[in-house]
Amino acid sequence: MEWIFVIIAGFLEVLSVNYMNKWQIIKNLGLKKSSTLIIKMILAFGISLLLLNLALKTLPMSVTYAVWSGFGSVGGVLVGIIRYGESANWKRLICIAMILSSVVGLKLVS
């Protein structure tokens, strides 16, 4: 069950950063800022940290945090590529693969 908490927390972290980016885009375009996006971002970050805290009650901190932050890092890059047209060049994809392999490696040796 704890690993499910970590996975959901990772999804929420990515969602939070997506809300943050949307808010910045709206701000930069000079449009009316949406307090709804800020509330969603705060809730998603808060629930993400709460779930991470619940998972840390039984899982080792080193691997749990690596999975959570790796999920957020890779998810953030993928959202940037898919939603915001950021570069998907081979160097970035290799870096994503290195993050994933590092997290898997930490899990395997723990």
Protein backbone atom coordinates (compact mmCIF):
# COMPACT_ATOMS: atom_id res chain seq x y z
CA MET A 1 0.00 0.00 0.00
CA GLU A 2 2.86 2.39 0.79
CA TRP A 3 4.23 2.18 -2.75
CA ILE A 4 0.81 3.15 -4.05
CA PHE A 5 1.06 6.25 -1.84
CA VAL A 6 4.43 7.07 -3.40
CA ILE A 7 3.11 6.65 -6.95
CA ILE A 8 0.04 8.81 -6.29
CA ALA A 9 2.26 11.38 -4.56
CA GLY A 10 4.47 11.44 -7.66
CA PHE A 11 1.48 12.02 -9.94
CA LEU A 12 0.32 14.85 -7.69
CA GLU A 13 3.76 16.44 -7.73
CA VAL A 14 3.72 16.47 -11.53
CA LEU A 15 0.18 17.86 -11.51
CA SER A 16 1.27 20.62 -9.09
CA VAL A 17 4.13 21.70 -11.31
CA ASN A 18 1.79 21.68 -14.30
CA TYR A 19 -0.60 24.02 -12.43
CA MET A 20 2.34 26.23 -11.50
CA ASN A 21 3.44 26.43 -15.15
CA LYS A 22 -0.12 27.21 -16.32
CA TRP A 23 -0.31 30.02 -13.78
CA GLN A 24 2.98 31.48 -15.03
CA ILE A 25 1.80 31.33 -18.64
CA ILE A 26 -1.41 33.15 -17.73
CA LYS A 27 0.60 35.73 -15.78
CA ASN A 28 3.07 36.27 -18.64
CA LEU A 29 0.27 36.74 -21.17
CA GLY A 30 -1.23 39.45 -18.99
CA LEU A 31 -4.46 37.55 -18.51
CA LYS A 32 -6.43 37.54 -15.29
CA LYS A 33 -4.70 35.29 -12.79
CA SER A 34 -6.76 32.36 -11.63
CA SER A 35 -6.82 31.78 -7.89
CA THR A 36 -8.31 28.37 -8.68
CA LEU A 37 -4.98 27.26 -10.19
CA ILE A 38 -3.10 28.36 -7.08
CA ILE A 39 -5.55 26.52 -4.82
CA LYS A 40 -5.26 23.37 -6.96
CA MET A 41 -1.47 23.63 -6.90
CA ILE A 42 -1.33 24.03 -3.12
CA LEU A 43 -3.75 21.14 -2.58
CA ALA A 44 -1.87 18.84 -4.96
CA PHE A 45 1.51 19.66 -3.37
CA GLY A 46 0.05 19.28 0.12
CA ILE A 47 -1.57 15.92 -0.58
CA SER A 48 1.59 14.76 -2.34
CA LEU A 49 3.68 15.54 0.74
CA LEU A 50 1.09 13.97 3.03
CA LEU A 51 1.15 10.72 1.03
CA LEU A 52 4.95 10.77 0.96
CA ASN A 53 4.92 11.16 4.73
CA LEU A 54 2.56 8.19 5.11
CA ALA A 55 4.79 6.05 2.91
CA LEU A 56 7.88 7.00 4.91
CA LYS A 57 6.37 5.45 8.03
CA THR A 58 7.32 2.00 6.74
CA LEU A 59 9.50 2.45 3.64
CA PRO A 60 13.18 3.43 3.71
CA MET A 61 13.65 7.15 3.17
CA SER A 62 16.47 6.89 0.63
CA VAL A 63 14.60 4.77 -1.90
CA THR A 64 11.20 6.32 -1.25
CA TYR A 65 12.42 9.86 -1.80
CA ALA A 66 14.40 8.80 -4.87
CA VAL A 67 11.30 7.23 -6.41
CA TRP A 68 9.13 10.25 -5.56
CA SER A 69 11.58 12.85 -6.83
CA GLY A 70 12.47 10.74 -9.90
CA PHE A 71 8.79 10.39 -10.70
CA GLY A 72 8.40 14.14 -10.40
CA SER A 73 11.48 14.87 -12.49
CA VAL A 74 10.64 12.50 -15.31
CA GLY A 75 6.94 13.39 -15.18
CA GLY A 76 7.73 17.10 -15.32
CA VAL A 77 9.94 16.65 -18.36
CA LEU A 78 7.34 14.49 -20.12
CA VAL A 79 4.55 16.99 -19.40
CA GLY A 80 6.78 19.75 -20.74
CA ILE A 81 7.43 17.80 -23.92
CA ILE A 82 3.83 16.67 -24.46
CA ARG A 83 1.84 19.71 -23.30
CA TYR A 84 4.17 22.64 -23.77
CA GLY A 85 6.19 21.67 -26.83
CA GLU A 86 9.55 21.51 -25.08
CA SER A 87 12.43 19.82 -26.84
CA ALA A 88 12.49 16.01 -26.95
CA ASN A 89 16.01 15.68 -28.30
CA TRP A 90 18.02 12.54 -27.73
CA LYS A 91 20.16 14.10 -24.98
CA ARG A 92 17.10 14.86 -22.86
CA LEU A 93 15.70 11.37 -23.45
CA ILE A 94 19.00 9.80 -22.39
CA CYS A 95 18.92 11.87 -19.20
CA ILE A 96 15.38 10.65 -18.49
CA ALA A 97 16.58 7.07 -19.01
CA MET A 98 19.46 7.67 -16.58
CA ILE A 99 17.08 9.00 -13.92
CA LEU A 100 14.81 5.98 -14.34
CA SER A 101 17.69 3.50 -14.27
CA SER A 102 19.14 5.16 -11.17
CA VAL A 103 15.85 4.90 -9.29
CA VAL A 104 15.40 1.27 -10.34
CA GLY A 105 19.01 0.54 -9.37
CA LEU A 106 18.50 2.03 -5.91
CA LYS A 107 15.40 -0.08 -5.42
CA LEU A 108 17.18 -3.24 -6.54
CA VAL A 109 20.15 -2.82 -4.20
CA SER A 110 18.09 -1.79 -1.17
